[in-house]
Amino acid sequence: MRLETFPLILGAFVGLVGLLLIIDALTTDTMVREERRRRPRRERDRWGEALVGLGAVAMAAAFVGRDTWRYSTVAVIAGTVLLLWGVMRNGTYIRGVIGRNERPKTGYAEGSRRIR
């Protein structure tokens, strides 16, 4: 395998992930019948998810286009803007998934009391 084919493979993978994100944003949530959590998860912003998918597709186009494509710089800038915009729209959902905080932190250990 030549080193020049690596951006093509990476571009195909990133483009596939972007297309899957766009498809997931456009389809309805019919897989889960009821929420099993005690506290329901915050709803994701579908428009933000589609923006992240479009940003990934733009980045994939820049990878596949390499240095020979005339608009690779424009594709990278547009992809970055779309990715950041989509992440900002889904910021609370992403924080909830990554953080998994059930309660707000008070600064004290579990079960301890403040001594006055």
PDB file of N, CA and C in Angstrom:
ATOM      1  N   MET A   1       0.844  -1.177   0.000  1.00  0.00           N
ATOM      2  CA  MET A   1       0.000   0.000   0.000  1.00  0.00           C
ATOM      3  C   MET A   1       0.891   1.242   0.000  1.00  0.00           C
ATOM      4  N   ARG A   2       0.597   2.122  -0.896  1.00  0.00           N
ATOM      5  CA  ARG A   2       1.373   3.361  -0.987  1.00  0.00           C
ATOM      6  C   ARG A   2       0.831   4.385  -0.008  1.00  0.00           C
ATOM      7  N   LEU A   3       1.687   5.286   0.383  1.00  0.00           N
ATOM      8  CA  LEU A   3       1.309   6.311   1.362  1.00  0.00           C
ATOM      9  C   LEU A   3       0.270   7.277   0.791  1.00  0.00           C
ATOM     10  N   GLU A   4       0.224   7.415  -0.509  1.00  0.00           N
ATOM     11  CA  GLU A   4      -0.725   8.341  -1.137  1.00  0.00           C
ATOM     12  C   GLU A   4      -2.166   7.859  -1.054  1.00  0.00           C
ATOM     13  N   THR A   5      -2.365   6.576  -0.779  1.00  0.00           N
ATOM     14  CA  THR A   5      -3.733   6.060  -0.694  1.00  0.00           C
ATOM     15  C   THR A   5      -4.343   6.252   0.692  1.00  0.00           C
ATOM     16  N   PHE A   6      -3.529   6.589   1.688  1.00  0.00           N
ATOM     17  CA  PHE A   6      -4.048   6.782   3.043  1.00  0.00           C
ATOM     18  C   PHE A   6      -5.095   7.888   3.129  1.00  0.00           C
ATOM     19  N   PRO A   7      -4.894   9.076   2.509  1.00  0.00           N
ATOM     20  CA  PRO A   7      -5.958  10.091   2.562  1.00  0.00           C
ATOM     21  C   PRO A   7      -7.251   9.646   1.877  1.00  0.00           C
ATOM     22  N   LEU A   8      -7.145   8.805   0.864  1.00  0.00           N
ATOM     23  CA  LEU A   8      -8.359   8.304   0.211  1.00  0.00           C
ATOM     24  C   LEU A   8      -9.143   7.389   1.139  1.00  0.00           C
ATOM     25  N   ILE A   9      -8.439   6.510   1.831  1.00  0.00           N
ATOM     26  CA  ILE A   9      -9.107   5.601   2.765  1.00  0.00           C
ATOM     27  C   ILE A   9      -9.693   6.388   3.935  1.00  0.00           C
ATOM     28  N   LEU A  10      -8.929   7.325   4.471  1.00  0.00           N
ATOM     29  CA  LEU A  10      -9.418   8.157   5.574  1.00  0.00           C
ATOM     30  C   LEU A  10     -10.614   8.999   5.132  1.00  0.00           C
ATOM     31  N   GLY A  11     -10.551   9.550   3.924  1.00  0.00           N
ATOM     32  CA  GLY A  11     -11.668  10.332   3.403  1.00  0.00           C
ATOM     33  C   GLY A  11     -12.922   9.504   3.219  1.00  0.00           C
ATOM     34  N   ALA A  12     -12.759   8.269   2.744  1.00  0.00           N
ATOM     35  CA  ALA A  12     -13.921   7.387   2.582  1.00  0.00           C
ATOM     36  C   ALA A  12     -14.533   7.048   3.935  1.00  0.00           C
ATOM     37  N   PHE A  13     -13.696   6.790   4.934  1.00  0.00           N
ATOM     38  CA  PHE A  13     -14.208   6.463   6.268  1.00  0.00           C
ATOM     39  C   PHE A  13     -14.925   7.653   6.897  1.00  0.00           C
ATOM     40  N   VAL A  14     -14.314   8.841   6.833  1.00  0.00           N
ATOM     41  CA  VAL A  14     -14.930  10.044   7.412  1.00  0.00           C
ATOM     42  C   VAL A  14     -16.216  10.392   6.662  1.00  0.00           C
ATOM     43  N   GLY A  15     -16.220  10.220   5.346  1.00  0.00           N
ATOM     44  CA  GLY A  15     -17.429  10.479   4.565  1.00  0.00           C
ATOM     45  C   GLY A  15     -18.552   9.523   4.922  1.00  0.00           C
ATOM     46  N   LEU A  16     -18.211   8.247   5.166  1.00  0.00           N
ATOM     47  CA  LEU A  16     -19.222   7.273   5.569  1.00  0.00           C
ATOM     48  C   LEU A  16     -19.801   7.618   6.934  1.00  0.00           C
ATOM     49  N   VAL A  17     -18.943   8.030   7.865  1.00  0.00           N
ATOM     50  CA  VAL A  17     -19.425   8.442   9.193  1.00  0.00           C
ATOM     51  C   VAL A  17     -20.336   9.666   9.058  1.00  0.00           C
ATOM     52  N   GLY A  18     -19.953  10.623   8.203  1.00  0.00           N
ATOM     53  CA  GLY A  18     -20.782  11.806   7.988  1.00  0.00           C
ATOM     54  C   GLY A  18     -22.140  11.460   7.401  1.00  0.00           C
ATOM     55  N   LEU A  19     -22.159  10.566   6.426  1.00  0.00           N
ATOM     56  CA  LEU A  19     -23.434  10.154   5.834  1.00  0.00           C
ATOM     57  C   LEU A  19     -24.311   9.428   6.853  1.00  0.00           C
ATOM     58  N   LEU A  20     -23.690   8.600   7.694  1.00  0.00           N
ATOM     59  CA  LEU A  20     -24.470   7.915   8.724  1.00  0.00           C
ATOM     60  C   LEU A  20     -25.039   8.896   9.745  1.00  0.00           C
ATOM     61  N   LEU A  21     -24.299   9.940  10.073  1.00  0.00           N
ATOM     62  CA  LEU A  21     -24.826  10.964  10.981  1.00  0.00           C
ATOM     63  C   LEU A  21     -25.999  11.710  10.353  1.00  0.00           C
ATOM     64  N   ILE A  22     -25.899  12.013   9.076  1.00  0.00           N
ATOM     65  CA  ILE A  22     -26.997  12.699   8.392  1.00  0.00           C
ATOM     66  C   ILE A  22     -28.230  11.808   8.343  1.00  0.00           C
ATOM     67  N   ILE A  23     -28.044  10.521   8.030  1.00  0.00           N
ATOM     68  CA  ILE A  23     -29.171   9.587   7.984  1.00  0.00           C
ATOM     69  C   ILE A  23     -29.805   9.450   9.369  1.00  0.00           C
ATOM     70  N   ASP A  24     -28.972   9.387  10.417  1.00  0.00           N
ATOM     71  CA  ASP A  24     -29.497   9.281  11.777  1.00  0.00           C
ATOM     72  C   ASP A  24     -30.270  10.543  12.174  1.00  0.00           C
ATOM     73  N   ALA A  25     -29.824  11.690  11.695  1.00  0.00           N
ATOM     74  CA  ALA A  25     -30.526  12.934  12.021  1.00  0.00           C
ATOM     75  C   ALA A  25     -31.880  13.013  11.325  1.00  0.00           C
ATOM     76  N   LEU A  26     -31.989  12.386  10.160  1.00  0.00           N
ATOM     77  CA  LEU A  26     -33.233  12.480   9.404  1.00  0.00           C
ATOM     78  C   LEU A  26     -34.257  11.419   9.764  1.00  0.00           C
ATOM     79  N   THR A  27     -33.822  10.314  10.380  1.00  0.00           N
ATOM     80  CA  THR A  27     -34.755   9.251  10.731  1.00  0.00           C
ATOM     81  C   THR A  27     -35.342   9.492  12.113  1.00  0.00           C
ATOM     82  N   THR A  28     -36.467   8.851  12.372  1.00  0.00           N
ATOM     83  CA  THR A  28     -37.128   8.999  13.663  1.00  0.00           C
ATOM     84  C   THR A  28     -36.579   7.977  14.651  1.00  0.00           C
ATOM     85  N   ASP A  29     -36.783   8.236  15.940  1.00  0.00           N
ATOM     86  CA  ASP A  29     -36.341   7.331  16.991  1.00  0.00           C
ATOM     87  C   ASP A  29     -37.449   6.337  17.308  1.00  0.00           C
ATOM     88  N   THR A  30     -37.522   5.255  16.575  1.00  0.00           N
ATOM     89  CA  THR A  30     -38.542   4.244  16.822  1.00  0.00           C
ATOM     90  C   THR A  30     -37.950   2.976  17.414  1.00  0.00           C
ATOM     91  N   MET A  31     -36.639   2.933  17.616  1.00  0.00           N
ATOM     92  CA  MET A  31     -36.001   1.732  18.145  1.00  0.00           C
ATOM     93  C   MET A  31     -36.287   1.545  19.635  1.00  0.00           C
ATOM     94  N   VAL A  32     -36.246   2.616  20.403  1.00  0.00           N
ATOM     95  CA  VAL A  32     -36.445   2.540  21.849  1.00  0.00           C
ATOM     96  C   VAL A  32     -37.909   2.838  22.165  1.00  0.00           C
ATOM     97  N   ARG A  33     -38.552   1.911  22.844  1.00  0.00           N
ATOM     98  CA  ARG A  33     -39.971   2.094  23.142  1.00  0.00           C
ATOM     99  C   ARG A  33     -40.200   2.994  24.353  1.00  0.00           C
ATOM    100  N   GLU A  34     -39.435   2.759  25.408  1.00  0.00           N
ATOM    101  CA  GLU A  34     -39.581   3.584  26.604  1.00  0.00           C
ATOM    102  C   GLU A  34     -38.206   3.803  27.211  1.00  0.00           C
ATOM    103  N   GLU A  35     -38.084   4.889  27.917  1.00  0.00           N
ATOM    104  CA  GLU A  35     -36.812   5.249  28.544  1.00  0.00           C
ATOM    105  C   GLU A  35     -36.632   4.430  29.811  1.00  0.00           C
ATOM    106  N   ARG A  36     -35.475   3.774  29.955  1.00  0.00           N
ATOM    107  CA  ARG A  36     -35.223   2.937  31.127  1.00  0.00           C
ATOM    108  C   ARG A  36     -34.474   3.682  32.219  1.00  0.00           C
ATOM    109  N   ARG A  37     -34.064   4.874  31.955  1.00  0.00           N
ATOM    110  CA  ARG A  37     -33.312   5.634  32.951  1.00  0.00           C
ATOM    111  C   ARG A  37     -34.252   6.247  33.978  1.00  0.00           C
ATOM    112  N   ARG A  38     -33.680   6.544  35.145  1.00  0.00           N
ATOM    113  CA  ARG A  38     -34.466   7.246  36.156  1.00  0.00           C
ATOM    114  C   ARG A  38     -34.752   8.667  35.719  1.00  0.00           C
ATOM    115  N   ARG A  39     -33.704   9.280  35.198  1.00  0.00           N
ATOM    116  CA  ARG A  39     -33.823  10.653  34.714  1.00  0.00           C
ATOM    117  C   ARG A  39     -33.645  10.630  33.203  1.00  0.00           C
ATOM    118  N   PRO A  40     -34.624  11.095  32.444  1.00  0.00           N
ATOM    119  CA  PRO A  40     -34.509  10.998  30.986  1.00  0.00           C
ATOM    120  C   PRO A  40     -33.354  11.840  30.449  1.00  0.00           C
ATOM    121  N   ARG A  41     -32.721  11.320  29.418  1.00  0.00           N
ATOM    122  CA  ARG A  41     -31.606  12.013  28.781  1.00  0.00           C
ATOM    123  C   ARG A  41     -32.128  13.214  27.997  1.00  0.00           C
ATOM    124  N   ARG A  42     -31.324  14.239  27.924  1.00  0.00           N
ATOM    125  CA  ARG A  42     -31.698  15.437  27.176  1.00  0.00           C
ATOM    126  C   ARG A  42     -31.806  15.088  25.693  1.00  0.00           C
ATOM    127  N   GLU A  43     -32.803  15.637  25.037  1.00  0.00           N
ATOM    128  CA  GLU A  43     -33.052  15.373  23.617  1.00  0.00           C
ATOM    129  C   GLU A  43     -31.960  16.015  22.767  1.00  0.00           C
ATOM    130  N   ARG A  44     -31.489  15.294  21.764  1.00  0.00           N
ATOM    131  CA  ARG A  44     -30.456  15.848  20.888  1.00  0.00           C
ATOM    132  C   ARG A  44     -31.104  16.729  19.826  1.00  0.00           C
ATOM    133  N   ASP A  45     -30.332  17.657  19.336  1.00  0.00           N
ATOM    134  CA  ASP A  45     -30.791  18.574  18.302  1.00  0.00           C
ATOM    135  C   ASP A  45     -30.507  17.935  16.948  1.00  0.00           C
ATOM    136  N   ARG A  46     -31.536  17.585  16.240  1.00  0.00           N
ATOM    137  CA  ARG A  46     -31.354  16.885  14.966  1.00  0.00           C
ATOM    138  C   ARG A  46     -30.674  17.767  13.919  1.00  0.00           C
ATOM    139  N   TRP A  47     -30.994  19.037  13.914  1.00  0.00           N
ATOM    140  CA  TRP A  47     -30.355  19.956  12.968  1.00  0.00           C
ATOM    141  C   TRP A  47     -28.862  20.052  13.261  1.00  0.00           C
ATOM    142  N   GLY A  48     -28.499  20.076  14.535  1.00  0.00           N
ATOM    143  CA  GLY A  48     -27.090  20.102  14.913  1.00  0.00           C
ATOM    144  C   GLY A  48     -26.369  18.827  14.509  1.00  0.00           C
ATOM    145  N   GLU A  49     -27.037  17.692  14.648  1.00  0.00           N
ATOM    146  CA  GLU A  49     -26.436  16.429  14.233  1.00  0.00           C
ATOM    147  C   GLU A  49     -26.229  16.390  12.716  1.00  0.00           C
ATOM    148  N   ALA A  50     -27.191  16.933  11.974  1.00  0.00           N
ATOM    149  CA  ALA A  50     -27.036  16.998  10.517  1.00  0.00           C
ATOM    150  C   ALA A  50     -25.889  17.934  10.128  1.00  0.00           C
ATOM    151  N   LEU A  51     -25.711  19.015  10.881  1.00  0.00           N
ATOM    152  CA  LEU A  51     -24.599  19.926  10.609  1.00  0.00           C
ATOM    153  C   LEU A  51     -23.252  19.244  10.855  1.00  0.00           C
ATOM    154  N   VAL A  52     -23.162  18.441  11.903  1.00  0.00           N
ATOM    155  CA  VAL A  52     -21.932  17.696  12.165  1.00  0.00           C
ATOM    156  C   VAL A  52     -21.674  16.708  11.023  1.00  0.00           C
ATOM    157  N   GLY A  53     -22.717  16.054  10.540  1.00  0.00           N
ATOM    158  CA  GLY A  53     -22.568  15.128   9.416  1.00  0.00           C
ATOM    159  C   GLY A  53     -22.124  15.834   8.144  1.00  0.00           C
ATOM    160  N   LEU A  54     -22.694  17.006   7.870  1.00  0.00           N
ATOM    161  CA  LEU A  54     -22.278  17.766   6.690  1.00  0.00           C
ATOM    162  C   LEU A  54     -20.834  18.248   6.813  1.00  0.00           C
ATOM    163  N   GLY A  55     -20.433  18.623   8.027  1.00  0.00           N
ATOM    164  CA  GLY A  55     -19.051  19.017   8.254  1.00  0.00           C
ATOM    165  C   GLY A  55     -18.095  17.860   8.027  1.00  0.00           C
ATOM    166  N   ALA A  56     -18.490  16.667   8.452  1.00  0.00           N
ATOM    167  CA  ALA A  56     -17.655  15.484   8.224  1.00  0.00           C
ATOM    168  C   ALA A  56     -17.560  15.156   6.741  1.00  0.00           C
ATOM    169  N   VAL A  57     -18.644  15.316   6.016  1.00  0.00           N
ATOM    170  CA  VAL A  57     -18.609  15.064   4.566  1.00  0.00           C
ATOM    171  C   VAL A  57     -17.711  16.084   3.870  1.00  0.00           C
ATOM    172  N   ALA A  58     -17.756  17.338   4.300  1.00  0.00           N
ATOM    173  CA  ALA A  58     -16.874  18.356   3.718  1.00  0.00           C
ATOM    174  C   ALA A  58     -15.406  18.049   4.008  1.00  0.00           C
ATOM    175  N   MET A  59     -15.107  17.591   5.217  1.00  0.00           N
ATOM    176  CA  MET A  59     -13.734  17.192   5.541  1.00  0.00           C
ATOM    177  C   MET A  59     -13.299  15.992   4.709  1.00  0.00           C
ATOM    178  N   ALA A  60     -14.220  15.055   4.504  1.00  0.00           N
ATOM    179  CA  ALA A  60     -13.904  13.890   3.680  1.00  0.00           C
ATOM    180  C   ALA A  60     -13.613  14.301   2.242  1.00  0.00           C
ATOM    181  N   ALA A  61     -14.368  15.262   1.736  1.00  0.00           N
ATOM    182  CA  ALA A  61     -14.113  15.751   0.380  1.00  0.00           C
ATOM    183  C   ALA A  61     -12.727  16.396   0.288  1.00  0.00           C
ATOM    184  N   ALA A  62     -12.327  17.091   1.335  1.00  0.00           N
ATOM    185  CA  ALA A  62     -10.990  17.693   1.334  1.00  0.00           C
ATOM    186  C   ALA A  62      -9.907  16.630   1.403  1.00  0.00           C
ATOM    187  N   PHE A  63     -10.138  15.553   2.161  1.00  0.00           N
ATOM    188  CA  PHE A  63      -9.166  14.463   2.214  1.00  0.00           C
ATOM    189  C   PHE A  63      -9.028  13.771   0.866  1.00  0.00           C
ATOM    190  N   VAL A  64     -10.154  13.490   0.237  1.00  0.00           N
ATOM    191  CA  VAL A  64     -10.125  12.783  -1.048  1.00  0.00           C
ATOM    192  C   VAL A  64      -9.550  13.684  -2.133  1.00  0.00           C
ATOM    193  N   GLY A  65      -9.845  14.981  -2.085  1.00  0.00           N
ATOM    194  CA  GLY A  65      -9.342  15.908  -3.089  1.00  0.00           C
ATOM    195  C   GLY A  65      -7.848  16.157  -2.999  1.00  0.00           C
ATOM    196  N   ARG A  66      -7.275  15.930  -1.819  1.00  0.00           N
ATOM    197  CA  ARG A  66      -5.848  16.133  -1.544  1.00  0.00           C
ATOM    198  C   ARG A  66      -5.394  17.508  -2.010  1.00  0.00           C
ATOM    199  N   ASP A  67      -4.171  17.611  -2.466  1.00  0.00           N
ATOM    200  CA  ASP A  67      -3.623  18.908  -2.880  1.00  0.00           C
ATOM    201  C   ASP A  67      -4.016  19.299  -4.298  1.00  0.00           C
ATOM    202  N   THR A  68      -4.534  18.370  -5.054  1.00  0.00           N
ATOM    203  CA  THR A  68      -4.838  18.661  -6.453  1.00  0.00           C
ATOM    204  C   THR A  68      -6.199  19.333  -6.631  1.00  0.00           C
ATOM    205  N   TRP A  69      -7.080  19.182  -5.663  1.00  0.00           N
ATOM    206  CA  TRP A  69      -8.406  19.776  -5.794  1.00  0.00           C
ATOM    207  C   TRP A  69      -8.329  21.260  -5.488  1.00  0.00           C
ATOM    208  N   ARG A  70      -8.976  22.025  -6.280  1.00  0.00           N
ATOM    209  CA  ARG A  70      -8.900  23.475  -6.185  1.00  0.00           C
ATOM    210  C   ARG A  70      -9.576  24.042  -4.947  1.00  0.00           C
ATOM    211  N   TYR A  71     -10.623  23.404  -4.480  1.00  0.00           N
ATOM    212  CA  TYR A  71     -11.439  23.930  -3.391  1.00  0.00           C
ATOM    213  C   TYR A  71     -11.222  23.193  -2.074  1.00  0.00           C
ATOM    214  N   SER A  72     -10.087  22.566  -1.896  1.00  0.00           N
ATOM    215  CA  SER A  72      -9.861  21.814  -0.659  1.00  0.00           C
ATOM    216  C   SER A  72      -9.791  22.742   0.563  1.00  0.00           C
ATOM    217  N   THR A  73      -9.216  23.931   0.405  1.00  0.00           N
ATOM    218  CA  THR A  73      -9.157  24.878   1.520  1.00  0.00           C
ATOM    219  C   THR A  73     -10.550  25.366   1.893  1.00  0.00           C
ATOM    220  N   VAL A  74     -11.366  25.622   0.901  1.00  0.00           N
ATOM    221  CA  VAL A  74     -12.751  26.054   1.156  1.00  0.00           C
ATOM    222  C   VAL A  74     -13.530  24.934   1.839  1.00  0.00           C
ATOM    223  N   ALA A  75     -13.300  23.691   1.417  1.00  0.00           N
ATOM    224  CA  ALA A  75     -13.994  22.559   2.022  1.00  0.00           C
ATOM    225  C   ALA A  75     -13.586  22.387   3.486  1.00  0.00           C
ATOM    226  N   VAL A  76     -12.312  22.581   3.794  1.00  0.00           N
ATOM    227  CA  VAL A  76     -11.854  22.456   5.181  1.00  0.00           C
ATOM    228  C   VAL A  76     -12.456  23.565   6.048  1.00  0.00           C
ATOM    229  N   ILE A  77     -12.475  24.777   5.545  1.00  0.00           N
ATOM    230  CA  ILE A  77     -13.049  25.888   6.313  1.00  0.00           C
ATOM    231  C   ILE A  77     -14.545  25.669   6.525  1.00  0.00           C
ATOM    232  N   ALA A  78     -15.256  25.290   5.474  1.00  0.00           N
ATOM    233  CA  ALA A  78     -16.696  25.038   5.599  1.00  0.00           C
ATOM    234  C   ALA A  78     -16.958  23.859   6.538  1.00  0.00           C
ATOM    235  N   GLY A  79     -16.156  22.815   6.446  1.00  0.00           N
ATOM    236  CA  GLY A  79     -16.323  21.661   7.327  1.00  0.00           C
ATOM    237  C   GLY A  79     -16.082  22.015   8.777  1.00  0.00           C
ATOM    238  N   THR A  80     -15.074  22.842   9.039  1.00  0.00           N
ATOM    239  CA  THR A  80     -14.788  23.256  10.407  1.00  0.00           C
ATOM    240  C   THR A  80     -15.923  24.098  10.975  1.00  0.00           C
ATOM    241  N   VAL A  81     -16.429  25.016  10.181  1.00  0.00           N
ATOM    242  CA  VAL A  81     -17.537  25.866  10.641  1.00  0.00           C
ATOM    243  C   VAL A  81     -18.777  25.014  10.907  1.00  0.00           C
ATOM    244  N   LEU A  82     -19.086  24.081  10.013  1.00  0.00           N
ATOM    245  CA  LEU A  82     -20.260  23.227  10.205  1.00  0.00           C
ATOM    246  C   LEU A  82     -20.108  22.319  11.420  1.00  0.00           C
ATOM    247  N   LEU A  83     -18.916  21.751  11.602  1.00  0.00           N
ATOM    248  CA  LEU A  83     -18.682  20.902  12.774  1.00  0.00           C
ATOM    249  C   LEU A  83     -18.837  21.681  14.075  1.00  0.00           C
ATOM    250  N   LEU A  84     -18.230  22.853  14.146  1.00  0.00           N
ATOM    251  CA  LEU A  84     -18.324  23.653  15.371  1.00  0.00           C
ATOM    252  C   LEU A  84     -19.745  24.123  15.639  1.00  0.00           C
ATOM    253  N   TRP A  85     -20.461  24.508  14.590  1.00  0.00           N
ATOM    254  CA  TRP A  85     -21.844  24.953  14.741  1.00  0.00           C
ATOM    255  C   TRP A  85     -22.724  23.800  15.244  1.00  0.00           C
ATOM    256  N   GLY A  86     -22.525  22.612  14.675  1.00  0.00           N
ATOM    257  CA  GLY A  86     -23.305  21.452  15.117  1.00  0.00           C
ATOM    258  C   GLY A  86     -22.991  21.046  16.542  1.00  0.00           C
ATOM    259  N   VAL A  87     -21.717  21.119  16.932  1.00  0.00           N
ATOM    260  CA  VAL A  87     -21.341  20.785  18.307  1.00  0.00           C
ATOM    261  C   VAL A  87     -21.912  21.818  19.276  1.00  0.00           C
ATOM    262  N   MET A  88     -21.927  23.080  18.889  1.00  0.00           N
ATOM    263  CA  MET A  88     -22.509  24.104  19.762  1.00  0.00           C
ATOM    264  C   MET A  88     -24.003  23.888  19.945  1.00  0.00           C
ATOM    265  N   ARG A  89     -24.693  23.470  18.901  1.00  0.00           N
ATOM    266  CA  ARG A  89     -26.135  23.233  19.015  1.00  0.00           C
ATOM    267  C   ARG A  89     -26.438  22.018  19.888  1.00  0.00           C
ATOM    268  N   ASN A  90     -25.530  21.035  19.911  1.00  0.00           N
ATOM    269  CA  ASN A  90     -25.725  19.829  20.708  1.00  0.00           C
ATOM    270  C   ASN A  90     -24.850  19.806  21.948  1.00  0.00           C
ATOM    271  N   GLY A  91     -24.404  20.948  22.418  1.00  0.00           N
ATOM    272  CA  GLY A  91     -23.468  21.007  23.537  1.00  0.00           C
ATOM    273  C   GLY A  91     -23.993  20.389  24.811  1.00  0.00           C
ATOM    274  N   THR A  92     -25.244  20.676  25.171  1.00  0.00           N
ATOM    275  CA  THR A  92     -25.789  20.128  26.412  1.00  0.00           C
ATOM    276  C   THR A  92     -25.988  18.621  26.312  1.00  0.00           C
ATOM    277  N   TYR A  93     -26.374  18.137  25.148  1.00  0.00           N
ATOM    278  CA  TYR A  93     -26.540  16.699  24.956  1.00  0.00           C
ATOM    279  C   TYR A  93     -25.192  15.992  25.053  1.00  0.00           C
ATOM    280  N   ILE A  94     -24.162  16.561  24.420  1.00  0.00           N
ATOM    281  CA  ILE A  94     -22.831  15.949  24.451  1.00  0.00           C
ATOM    282  C   ILE A  94     -22.282  15.947  25.875  1.00  0.00           C
ATOM    283  N   ARG A  95     -22.464  17.054  26.608  1.00  0.00           N
ATOM    284  CA  ARG A  95     -22.012  17.099  27.998  1.00  0.00           C
ATOM    285  C   ARG A  95     -22.733  16.063  28.850  1.00  0.00           C
ATOM    286  N   GLY A  96     -24.013  15.855  28.590  1.00  0.00           N
ATOM    287  CA  GLY A  96     -24.765  14.860  29.350  1.00  0.00           C
ATOM    288  C   GLY A  96     -24.329  13.441  29.051  1.00  0.00           C
ATOM    289  N   VAL A  97     -23.987  13.157  27.810  1.00  0.00           N
ATOM    290  CA  VAL A  97     -23.546  11.815  27.444  1.00  0.00           C
ATOM    291  C   VAL A  97     -22.146  11.546  27.978  1.00  0.00           C
ATOM    292  N   ILE A  98     -21.252  12.505  27.848  1.00  0.00           N
ATOM    293  CA  ILE A  98     -19.869  12.300  28.278  1.00  0.00           C
ATOM    294  C   ILE A  98     -19.752  12.374  29.792  1.00  0.00           C
ATOM    295  N   GLY A  99     -20.391  13.370  30.407  1.00  0.00           N
ATOM    296  CA  GLY A  99     -20.252  13.586  31.836  1.00  0.00           C
ATOM    297  C   GLY A  99     -20.992  12.579  32.689  1.00  0.00           C
ATOM    298  N   ARG A 100     -22.162  12.171  32.283  1.00  0.00           N
ATOM    299  CA  ARG A 100     -23.016  11.250  33.019  1.00  0.00           C
ATOM    300  C   ARG A 100     -23.292  11.729  34.433  1.00  0.00           C
ATOM    301  N   ASN A 101     -23.431  13.016  34.621  1.00  0.00           N
ATOM    302  CA  ASN A 101     -23.709  13.565  35.951  1.00  0.00           C
ATOM    303  C   ASN A 101     -25.192  13.413  36.257  1.00  0.00           C
ATOM    304  N   GLU A 102     -25.478  12.724  37.336  1.00  0.00           N
ATOM    305  CA  GLU A 102     -26.865  12.570  37.760  1.00  0.00           C
ATOM    306  C   GLU A 102     -27.325  13.769  38.571  1.00  0.00           C
ATOM    307  N   ARG A 103     -26.414  14.290  39.416  1.00  0.00           N
ATOM    308  CA  ARG A 103     -26.744  15.431  40.254  1.00  0.00           C
ATOM    309  C   ARG A 103     -25.656  16.476  40.090  1.00  0.00           C
ATOM    310  N   PRO A 104     -25.990  17.731  40.324  1.00  0.00           N
ATOM    311  CA  PRO A 104     -24.929  18.738  40.292  1.00  0.00           C
ATOM    312  C   PRO A 104     -23.979  18.546  41.456  1.00  0.00           C
ATOM    313  N   LYS A 105     -22.692  18.784  41.220  1.00  0.00           N
ATOM    314  CA  LYS A 105     -21.687  18.605  42.258  1.00  0.00           C
ATOM    315  C   LYS A 105     -21.748  19.756  43.250  1.00  0.00           C
ATOM    316  N   THR A 106     -21.631  19.406  44.540  1.00  0.00           N
ATOM    317  CA  THR A 106     -21.674  20.422  45.587  1.00  0.00           C
ATOM    318  C   THR A 106     -20.291  20.747  46.108  1.00  0.00           C
ATOM    319  N   GLY A 107     -19.301  19.951  45.794  1.00  0.00           N
ATOM    320  CA  GLY A 107     -17.952  20.185  46.279  1.00  0.00           C
ATOM    321  C   GLY A 107     -17.608  19.382  47.509  1.00  0.00           C
ATOM    322  N   TYR A 108     -18.575  18.639  48.044  1.00  0.00           N
ATOM    323  CA  TYR A 108     -18.348  17.809  49.218  1.00  0.00           C
ATOM    324  C   TYR A 108     -18.408  16.350  48.820  1.00  0.00           C
ATOM    325  N   ALA A 109     -17.725  15.513  49.560  1.00  0.00           N
ATOM    326  CA  ALA A 109     -17.742  14.079  49.286  1.00  0.00           C
ATOM    327  C   ALA A 109     -19.126  13.515  49.590  1.00  0.00           C
ATOM    328  N   GLU A 110     -19.405  12.360  49.007  1.00  0.00           N
ATOM    329  CA  GLU A 110     -20.697  11.719  49.188  1.00  0.00           C
ATOM    330  C   GLU A 110     -20.880  11.333  50.650  1.00  0.00           C
ATOM    331  N   GLY A 111     -21.955  11.758  51.260  1.00  0.00           N
ATOM    332  CA  GLY A 111     -22.254  11.420  52.629  1.00  0.00           C
ATOM    333  C   GLY A 111     -21.581  12.281  53.675  1.00  0.00           C
ATOM    334  N   SER A 112     -20.740  13.210  53.254  1.00  0.00           N
ATOM    335  CA  SER A 112     -20.055  14.049  54.232  1.00  0.00           C
ATOM    336  C   SER A 112     -20.868  15.313  54.468  1.00  0.00           C
ATOM    337  N   ARG A 113     -20.579  15.952  55.620  1.00  0.00           N
ATOM    338  CA  ARG A 113     -21.256  17.176  55.957  1.00  0.00           C
ATOM    339  C   ARG A 113     -20.219  18.280  56.117  1.00  0.00           C
ATOM    340  N   ARG A 114     -20.666  19.473  55.975  1.00  0.00           N
ATOM    341  CA  ARG A 114     -19.786  20.620  56.178  1.00  0.00           C
ATOM    342  C   ARG A 114     -19.697  20.927  57.664  1.00  0.00           C
ATOM    343  N   ILE A 115     -18.485  21.091  58.164  1.00  0.00           N
ATOM    344  CA  ILE A 115     -18.268  21.399  59.577  1.00  0.00           C
ATOM    345  C   ILE A 115     -18.193  22.901  59.725  1.00  0.00           C
ATOM    346  N   ARG A 116     -18.966  23.455  60.664  1.00  0.00           N
ATOM    347  CA  ARG A 116     -18.965  24.907  60.861  1.00  0.00           C
ATOM    348  C   ARG A 116     -18.201  25.309  62.056  1.00  0.00           C
TER     349      ARG A 116
END
